[in-house]
Amino acid sequence: MELDRISSLPNDVTEKILSGLPLKEAVRTSILSRKWRYKSDMLQALVFDDECLETQSHPTFSFVNIVDHVLLLHKGPIHRFQLSFSGKLATRDIDRWIFHLSRNPVIKEMILENFEGDIYNIPSCLFSFKDIVHLELYRCLLNPPSTFKGFGSLKSLDLLLVTLAQDVFDNLIGCSPLLEILKLHRCDGFTNLKIDAPKLLFIYIVGDVEDFNLVDSSNLVDAFFYLQVIVDQRGNCCSSGNLLRFFDYQLPHIRRLTIKSNFLKYLSIGALPEKLPKPCQYLIFLSLDMNFDNPDEISTVLCLLRSSPALQELKIWVDPKKDQAAVGEVESCLYDNYNCAYTQLRLVEITKISGVKAQLDFIKSLLLSSPLLERMTVQPASLNGSFKLVKDLLLFKRDSKRAEIMVLDP
């Protein structure tokens, strides 16, 4: 008989083939040969999403049956479990599946996305997964038992529209000593962000907070902050200023930094030095939401630029509703900036400018202080005055002979 090449494939090869297929297609491989009949029952990664379904009249009922059937017949460990069904699922069904998984708690990756219905209350048995490395939750409520001591192996935490109390958040972060990736998007139930994660490499936070503090982030290389911070009563919150408090020896290895919403305004409160005591030696990318009507914000940005000797790319988004800058104060801080050189800056992008003097002075200072600048891209906020803006930009002197200015259509 001719050699059955499919049946004679090594186990590691068949496992790799099956892991690259959607679950529905992986199950169908059982008809290939007798040896393949039960291979899909030993998959270590189970992804239950819309692709599991055929086009039927009762998709939710069918989906529940599929998950029940696969879990019932499964043999061996499950290292990755993902539930990403766009339909509404009953709480009792999700509870049953998680309880089933907790009988053999070797899960390393858990992804639960609750797209419809009420917020899903995570059952206490999930907190028994001590080996979990990646946890991703969408529209859930986290309320662990009092005996919960954290996930000691957790390296990646991704929470989107998740509700958890302040003490739960503090305990979750503080008891995850190996945490490297943290994503928080519009979470609820806590307002003070105190991040103590010495191994953290990447952080992404979107939301409303009252206070924010990076206790230990010496290994952080990529940070995205879209924070709406309460700043009304923070004039005397820190004698050294929020900028110094935030950057004081906390971000020595940062390479990419994004600051959006009013977080820059929060950082500009208090004392503003010309340069940070300890510069951001490795920062190569900086993106900011900036208001030119606030001289303190401009001074904060200039301080960051002076303190980033390796900066190569700068992106600035301007709020077009706030463009009436205090010209006198702005001129003073920009005039002092002409003697500072951004020796590595190559790409600049400024979006939604209206062409007021403060903005033009800022652009002029960048052009005069960037000897390696290759391209500056500017997008006006509207057509009104855009022709004059182009004319003004083209007349500005440039320190770089290769620098080109591109003006985009509003």
Protein backbone atom coordinates (compact mmCIF):
# COMPACT_ATOMS: atom_id res chain seq x y z
CA MET A 1 0.00 0.00 0.00
CA GLU A 2 1.13 3.55 -0.65
CA LEU A 3 2.39 5.42 2.39
CA ASP A 4 -0.34 7.49 4.11
CA ARG A 5 1.59 10.73 4.47
CA ILE A 6 -1.15 12.47 6.44
CA SER A 7 -1.36 9.74 9.05
CA SER A 8 2.41 9.45 9.37
CA LEU A 9 3.03 13.13 10.18
CA PRO A 10 4.81 13.67 13.50
CA ASN A 11 2.63 14.78 16.40
CA ASP A 12 4.32 18.17 16.70
CA VAL A 13 3.58 18.88 13.03
CA THR A 14 -0.11 17.92 13.31
CA GLU A 15 -0.43 20.05 16.45
CA LYS A 16 1.02 23.03 14.61
CA ILE A 17 -1.37 22.49 11.69
CA LEU A 18 -4.40 22.24 13.96
CA SER A 19 -3.40 25.27 16.03
CA GLY A 20 -3.34 27.41 12.89
CA LEU A 21 -6.92 26.51 11.92
CA PRO A 22 -10.20 27.94 13.20
CA LEU A 23 -11.75 25.53 15.69
CA LYS A 24 -14.52 24.54 13.28
CA GLU A 25 -11.99 23.56 10.61
CA ALA A 26 -9.75 21.81 13.14
CA VAL A 27 -12.65 19.56 14.21
CA ARG A 28 -13.37 18.69 10.58
CA THR A 29 -9.88 17.20 10.17
CA SER A 30 -11.15 14.15 12.08
CA ILE A 31 -12.38 12.70 8.76
CA LEU A 32 -8.90 12.72 7.18
CA SER A 33 -7.86 9.38 8.63
CA ARG A 34 -8.30 7.09 11.61
CA LYS A 35 -5.25 8.58 13.36
CA TRP A 36 -6.63 12.10 12.94
CA ARG A 37 -10.04 11.20 14.37
CA TYR A 38 -9.34 12.38 17.92
CA LYS A 39 -6.47 14.80 17.40
CA SER A 40 -8.74 17.85 17.59
CA ASP A 41 -9.87 16.65 21.03
CA MET A 42 -6.37 17.37 22.34
CA LEU A 43 -6.00 20.96 21.15
CA GLN A 44 -4.26 23.08 23.75
CA ALA A 45 -5.75 26.34 22.40
CA LEU A 46 -9.54 26.68 22.15
CA VAL A 47 -10.94 29.79 20.45
CA PHE A 48 -14.74 30.04 20.46
CA ASP A 49 -15.90 32.93 18.26
CA ASP A 50 -18.36 33.61 15.44
CA GLU A 51 -16.33 31.46 13.04
CA CYS A 52 -17.40 28.38 14.97
CA LEU A 53 -20.94 28.73 13.64
CA GLU A 54 -22.61 27.74 10.45
CA THR A 55 -25.42 29.98 9.19
CA GLN A 56 -28.38 28.75 11.23
CA SER A 57 -31.61 30.10 12.63
CA HIS A 58 -30.62 29.89 16.31
CA PRO A 59 -26.93 30.83 16.45
CA THR A 60 -26.76 31.33 20.23
CA PHE A 61 -28.28 27.92 20.94
CA SER A 62 -25.91 26.32 18.45
CA PHE A 63 -22.89 28.15 19.86
CA VAL A 64 -23.62 26.96 23.40
CA ASN A 65 -23.93 23.37 22.13
CA ILE A 66 -20.60 23.67 20.31
CA VAL A 67 -18.73 24.87 23.38
CA ASP A 68 -20.34 22.20 25.58
CA HIS A 69 -19.53 19.47 23.05
CA VAL A 70 -15.88 20.48 22.57
CA LEU A 71 -15.20 20.81 26.31
CA LEU A 72 -16.93 17.50 27.09
CA LEU A 73 -14.86 15.53 24.57
CA HIS A 74 -11.58 17.35 25.15
CA LYS A 75 -8.62 15.38 26.46
CA GLY A 76 -5.45 16.78 27.97
CA PRO A 77 -4.49 20.29 29.11
CA ILE A 78 -5.97 23.54 27.79
CA HIS A 79 -3.42 26.35 27.78
CA ARG A 80 -5.45 29.00 25.93
CA PHE A 81 -9.19 29.64 26.18
CA GLN A 82 -10.87 32.44 24.24
CA LEU A 83 -14.57 33.27 24.28
CA SER A 84 -15.37 35.99 21.73
CA PHE A 85 -18.93 35.40 20.58
CA SER A 86 -20.76 38.52 19.39
CA GLY A 87 -24.19 37.22 20.45
CA LYS A 88 -25.75 37.31 23.90
CA LEU A 89 -24.73 34.47 26.20
CA ALA A 90 -26.40 33.39 29.43
CA THR A 91 -24.37 33.90 32.58
CA ARG A 92 -25.02 30.30 33.64
CA ASP A 93 -23.39 29.01 30.43
CA ILE A 94 -20.20 31.05 30.86
CA ASP A 95 -20.06 30.08 34.54
CA ARG A 96 -20.33 26.41 33.60
CA TRP A 97 -17.47 26.62 31.09
CA ILE A 98 -15.12 28.46 33.47
CA PHE A 99 -15.94 25.99 36.26
CA HIS A 100 -15.14 23.14 33.87
CA LEU A 101 -11.76 24.73 33.10
CA SER A 102 -11.01 25.23 36.79
CA ARG A 103 -10.96 21.46 37.31
CA ASN A 104 -7.65 21.38 35.46
CA PRO A 105 -6.32 24.91 36.11
CA VAL A 106 -3.34 24.99 33.76
CA ILE A 107 -4.76 27.85 31.69
CA LYS A 108 -2.03 30.27 30.63
CA GLU A 109 -4.14 32.58 28.42
CA MET A 110 -7.73 33.55 29.21
CA ILE A 111 -9.74 35.89 26.96
CA LEU A 112 -13.38 36.63 27.83
CA GLU A 113 -15.24 39.14 25.65
CA ASN A 114 -18.82 39.83 26.72
CA PHE A 115 -20.27 41.77 23.80
CA GLU A 116 -23.99 41.77 24.68
CA GLY A 117 -26.20 41.64 27.75
CA ASP A 118 -25.36 42.60 31.30
CA ILE A 119 -21.86 43.05 32.69
CA TYR A 120 -20.52 39.57 33.37
CA ASN A 121 -19.54 38.88 36.98
CA ILE A 122 -16.34 36.83 36.92
CA PRO A 123 -16.85 33.70 39.11
CA SER A 124 -14.46 33.09 41.98
CA CYS A 125 -13.13 29.87 40.41
CA LEU A 126 -11.31 31.89 37.72
CA PHE A 127 -9.02 33.31 40.39
CA SER A 128 -7.72 29.79 41.01
CA PHE A 129 -5.81 29.85 37.70
CA LYS A 130 -2.42 30.40 39.29
CA ASP A 131 -0.43 29.77 36.08
CA ILE A 132 -2.25 32.37 33.98
CA VAL A 133 0.14 34.54 31.94
CA HIS A 134 -2.29 36.59 29.81
CA LEU A 135 -5.71 37.80 31.01
CA GLU A 136 -8.01 39.80 28.73
CA LEU A 137 -11.53 40.85 29.79
CA TYR A 138 -14.24 42.90 28.09
CA ARG A 139 -17.36 44.15 29.89
CA CYS A 140 -16.84 42.21 33.08
CA LEU A 141 -16.98 42.74 36.84
CA LEU A 142 -13.94 41.71 38.86
CA ASN A 143 -14.65 40.90 42.49
CA PRO A 144 -12.16 38.28 43.68
CA PRO A 145 -12.56 36.38 46.96
CA SER A 146 -10.79 37.67 50.05
CA THR A 147 -8.32 34.79 49.82
CA PHE A 148 -7.08 35.92 46.39
CA LYS A 149 -3.36 36.74 46.48
CA GLY A 150 -2.89 37.80 42.86
CA PHE A 151 -1.69 36.05 39.71
CA GLY A 152 1.96 35.33 40.40
CA SER A 153 2.73 34.39 36.77
CA LEU A 154 0.71 37.14 35.04
CA LYS A 155 2.68 39.03 32.37
CA SER A 156 -0.09 40.65 30.30
CA LEU A 157 -3.31 42.27 31.58
CA ASP A 158 -5.87 43.79 29.19
CA LEU A 159 -9.07 45.24 30.70
CA LEU A 160 -11.69 46.97 28.54
CA LEU A 161 -14.84 48.38 30.16
CA VAL A 162 -14.17 46.33 33.29
CA THR A 163 -15.50 47.33 36.70
CA LEU A 164 -13.37 46.72 39.79
CA ALA A 165 -13.00 48.47 43.13
CA GLN A 166 -9.95 50.54 44.07
CA ASP A 167 -8.58 47.92 46.49
CA VAL A 168 -9.10 45.17 43.92
CA PHE A 169 -7.13 47.12 41.32
CA ASP A 170 -4.31 47.90 43.74
CA ASN A 171 -4.09 44.26 44.81
CA LEU A 172 -4.26 42.98 41.24
CA ILE A 173 -1.34 45.14 40.11
CA GLY A 174 0.66 44.90 43.31
CA CYS A 175 0.43 41.08 43.40
CA SER A 176 1.52 40.59 39.78
CA PRO A 177 5.31 40.90 40.11
CA LEU A 178 5.99 39.68 36.55
CA LEU A 179 3.59 42.07 34.80
CA GLU A 180 5.08 43.38 31.52
CA ILE A 181 2.05 44.62 29.55
CA LEU A 182 -0.84 46.62 31.05
CA LYS A 183 -3.85 47.90 29.10
CA LEU A 184 -6.72 49.72 30.80
CA HIS A 185 -9.48 51.14 28.59
CA ARG A 186 -12.43 52.97 30.14
CA CYS A 187 -12.47 50.88 33.31
CA ASP A 188 -14.75 51.84 36.20
CA GLY A 189 -14.79 51.64 40.00
CA PHE A 190 -11.41 53.23 40.78
CA THR A 191 -9.97 56.70 40.17
CA ASN A 192 -6.44 56.58 41.61
CA LEU A 193 -3.85 54.95 39.39
CA LYS A 194 -0.86 53.85 41.40
CA ILE A 195 1.20 51.54 39.20
CA ASP A 196 3.90 49.59 41.01
CA ALA A 197 5.18 47.13 38.40
CA PRO A 198 8.99 47.05 38.15
CA LYS A 199 9.03 44.70 35.12
CA LEU A 200 6.45 46.69 33.12
CA LEU A 201 7.50 47.28 29.49
CA PHE A 202 4.31 48.60 27.85
CA ILE A 203 1.40 50.55 29.31
CA TYR A 204 -1.80 51.76 27.58
CA ILE A 205 -4.35 53.68 29.64
CA VAL A 206 -7.54 55.44 28.51
CA GLY A 207 -9.92 56.86 31.09
CA ASP A 208 -10.82 59.42 33.74
CA VAL A 209 -8.68 59.57 36.89
CA GLU A 210 -8.14 61.77 39.92
CA ASP A 211 -4.47 60.98 40.39
CA PHE A 212 -1.80 59.02 38.58
CA ASN A 213 1.54 57.82 39.86
CA LEU A 214 4.13 55.45 38.44
CA VAL A 215 5.80 54.10 41.56
CA ASP A 216 8.34 51.87 39.85
CA SER A 217 8.50 51.77 36.06
CA SER A 218 12.22 51.74 35.45
CA ASN A 219 11.90 49.21 32.59
CA LEU A 220 9.02 50.92 30.76
CA VAL A 221 9.80 51.48 27.06
CA ASP A 222 6.38 52.29 25.50
CA ALA A 223 3.63 54.35 27.17
CA PHE A 224 0.25 55.59 25.89
CA PHE A 225 -1.76 57.86 28.20
CA TYR A 226 -5.18 59.16 27.11
CA LEU A 227 -6.13 60.52 30.50
CA GLN A 228 -8.76 63.01 31.57
CA VAL A 229 -7.35 64.10 34.94
CA ILE A 230 -9.17 66.27 37.45
CA VAL A 231 -6.97 69.37 37.64
CA ASP A 232 -9.22 72.02 39.22
CA GLN A 233 -7.72 71.78 42.70
CA ARG A 234 -4.24 70.57 41.96
CA GLY A 235 -2.33 73.82 42.07
CA ASN A 236 -0.56 72.88 45.30
CA CYS A 237 -0.64 69.10 45.01
CA CYS A 238 3.11 68.81 44.63
CA SER A 239 5.67 71.49 45.46
CA SER A 240 8.08 70.21 42.80
CA GLY A 241 5.42 70.12 40.08
CA ASN A 242 3.58 67.24 38.42
CA LEU A 243 6.06 67.03 35.54
CA LEU A 244 9.01 66.44 37.86
CA ARG A 245 7.00 64.06 40.02
CA PHE A 246 6.00 62.02 36.97
CA PHE A 247 9.42 61.86 35.30
CA ASP A 248 11.63 61.85 38.40
CA TYR A 249 13.68 58.69 37.81
CA GLN A 250 10.55 56.77 36.74
CA LEU A 251 11.05 56.57 32.97
CA PRO A 252 14.80 56.13 32.37
CA HIS A 253 14.35 53.72 29.44
CA ILE A 254 11.22 55.11 27.78
CA ARG A 255 11.43 54.99 23.97
CA ARG A 256 7.88 55.86 22.86
CA LEU A 257 5.57 58.23 24.76
CA THR A 258 2.04 59.36 23.89
CA ILE A 259 0.23 61.98 26.01
CA LYS A 260 -3.36 62.80 25.03
CA SER A 261 -6.52 64.49 26.34
CA ASN A 262 -5.76 66.89 29.23
CA PHE A 263 -2.88 64.86 30.70
CA LEU A 264 -0.38 67.44 29.42
CA LYS A 265 -2.29 70.15 31.29
CA TYR A 266 -2.03 68.04 34.44
CA LEU A 267 1.72 67.64 33.94
CA SER A 268 2.15 71.40 33.44
CA ILE A 269 0.89 72.26 36.95
CA GLY A 270 3.56 73.34 39.41
CA ALA A 271 7.25 74.07 38.92
CA LEU A 272 8.50 73.73 35.32
CA PRO A 273 12.26 73.43 34.81
CA GLU A 274 13.99 74.17 31.52
CA LYS A 275 15.21 70.55 31.48
CA LEU A 276 14.42 67.45 33.47
CA PRO A 277 17.05 66.57 36.11
CA LYS A 278 17.47 63.18 34.43
CA PRO A 279 16.94 63.33 30.63
CA CYS A 280 14.99 60.78 28.59
CA GLN A 281 18.07 59.40 26.89
CA TYR A 282 16.26 56.76 24.81
CA LEU A 283 13.06 58.58 23.83
CA ILE A 284 12.75 58.47 20.03
CA PHE A 285 8.97 59.06 19.56
CA LEU A 286 6.78 61.67 21.26
CA SER A 287 3.09 62.32 20.54
CA LEU A 288 1.12 65.06 22.32
CA ASP A 289 -2.28 66.76 22.52
CA MET A 290 -1.33 70.41 22.99
CA ASN A 291 -3.16 73.69 23.61
CA PHE A 292 -1.34 76.84 22.50
CA ASP A 293 -3.54 79.04 24.68
CA ASN A 294 -1.71 77.74 27.76
CA PRO A 295 1.89 79.00 28.16
CA ASP A 296 2.54 76.35 30.83
CA GLU A 297 1.69 73.59 28.40
CA ILE A 298 4.08 75.07 25.83
CA SER A 299 6.81 75.31 28.46
CA THR A 300 6.15 71.68 29.43
CA VAL A 301 6.51 70.54 25.82
CA LEU A 302 9.73 72.54 25.41
CA CYS A 303 11.09 70.99 28.59
CA LEU A 304 10.37 67.51 27.24
CA LEU A 305 12.01 68.36 23.91
CA ARG A 306 15.14 69.74 25.58
CA SER A 307 15.29 66.63 27.77
CA SER A 308 15.06 64.15 24.86
CA PRO A 309 18.41 64.22 23.01
CA ALA A 310 17.59 61.09 20.94
CA LEU A 311 14.13 62.22 19.78
CA GLN A 312 13.53 61.41 16.10
CA GLU A 313 9.78 61.80 15.60
CA LEU A 314 7.37 64.37 17.06
CA LYS A 315 3.58 64.40 16.59
CA ILE A 316 1.34 67.17 17.92
CA TRP A 317 -2.43 67.41 17.75
CA VAL A 318 -3.83 70.89 18.44
CA ASP A 319 -7.31 71.54 19.81
CA PRO A 320 -8.71 73.95 17.20
CA LYS A 321 -11.15 75.38 19.77
CA LYS A 322 -8.28 76.64 21.94
CA ASP A 323 -5.91 78.60 19.78
CA GLN A 324 -5.95 82.14 21.19
CA ALA A 325 -2.54 81.96 22.88
CA ALA A 326 -1.21 84.49 25.37
CA VAL A 327 1.22 85.84 22.82
CA GLY A 328 3.51 87.77 25.14
CA GLU A 329 4.25 84.92 27.52
CA VAL A 330 4.59 82.41 24.69
CA GLU A 331 7.05 84.57 22.78
CA SER A 332 9.30 84.70 25.83
CA CYS A 333 9.56 80.94 26.34
CA LEU A 334 10.00 80.30 22.61
CA TYR A 335 12.67 82.96 22.27
CA ASP A 336 14.77 81.18 24.89
CA ASN A 337 14.31 77.96 22.93
CA TYR A 338 16.16 79.10 19.82
CA ASN A 339 19.52 78.23 21.40
CA CYS A 340 18.50 74.57 21.91
CA ALA A 341 19.25 72.05 19.16
CA TYR A 342 17.23 68.91 18.49
CA THR A 343 20.10 67.07 16.91
CA GLN A 344 18.26 63.84 16.02
CA LEU A 345 14.79 65.12 15.13
CA ARG A 346 13.81 63.98 11.63
CA LEU A 347 10.01 63.88 11.36
CA VAL A 348 7.48 66.41 12.70
CA GLU A 349 3.71 66.25 12.27
CA ILE A 350 1.41 69.00 13.54
CA THR A 351 -2.34 68.59 13.06
CA LYS A 352 -5.26 71.06 13.27
CA ILE A 353 -3.31 74.31 13.56
CA SER A 354 -5.10 77.61 12.95
CA GLY A 355 -2.02 79.71 12.20
CA VAL A 356 -2.01 81.94 15.29
CA LYS A 357 1.32 83.53 16.17
CA ALA A 358 2.11 81.16 19.05
CA GLN A 359 1.80 78.15 16.75
CA LEU A 360 3.89 79.74 14.02
CA ASP A 361 6.58 80.72 16.53
CA PHE A 362 6.70 77.16 17.80
CA ILE A 363 7.09 75.80 14.25
CA LYS A 364 9.76 78.41 13.51
CA SER A 365 11.74 77.35 16.58
CA LEU A 366 11.62 73.70 15.49
CA LEU A 367 12.82 74.53 11.98
CA LEU A 368 15.69 76.65 13.30
CA SER A 369 16.79 74.02 15.85
CA SER A 370 16.63 70.74 13.91
CA PRO A 371 19.73 70.24 11.72
CA LEU A 372 18.70 66.72 10.57
CA LEU A 373 15.01 67.43 9.95
CA GLU A 374 13.73 65.62 6.85
CA ARG A 375 10.03 66.42 6.77
CA MET A 376 7.53 68.58 8.61
CA THR A 377 3.87 67.80 7.89
CA VAL A 378 1.29 70.42 8.81
CA GLN A 379 -2.49 70.13 8.58
CA PRO A 380 -4.58 73.30 9.01
CA ALA A 381 -7.78 73.16 11.06
CA SER A 382 -9.82 74.65 8.19
CA LEU A 383 -9.54 76.22 4.76
CA ASN A 384 -9.86 79.71 6.23
CA GLY A 385 -6.42 81.29 6.17
CA SER A 386 -4.73 78.13 4.92
CA PHE A 387 -3.20 79.91 1.92
CA LYS A 388 -1.58 82.51 4.18
CA LEU A 389 -0.38 79.71 6.47
CA VAL A 390 1.35 77.97 3.56
CA LYS A 391 2.95 81.23 2.52
CA ASP A 392 4.26 81.88 6.06
CA LEU A 393 5.64 78.36 6.44
CA LEU A 394 7.54 78.47 3.17
CA LEU A 395 9.28 81.69 4.24
CA PHE A 396 10.62 80.24 7.50
CA LYS A 397 14.34 79.57 7.64
CA ARG A 398 15.46 75.99 8.19
CA ASP A 399 18.59 74.68 9.84
CA SER A 400 18.36 71.48 7.79
CA LYS A 401 19.07 71.76 4.07
CA ARG A 402 17.05 68.60 3.41
CA ALA A 403 13.94 69.66 5.30
CA GLU A 404 10.70 69.76 3.33
CA ILE A 405 7.38 71.16 4.49
CA MET A 406 4.18 69.38 3.48
CA VAL A 407 0.80 71.04 4.04
CA LEU A 408 -2.15 68.65 4.00
CA ASP A 409 -5.70 69.40 2.95
CA PRO A 410 -7.78 70.27 6.04
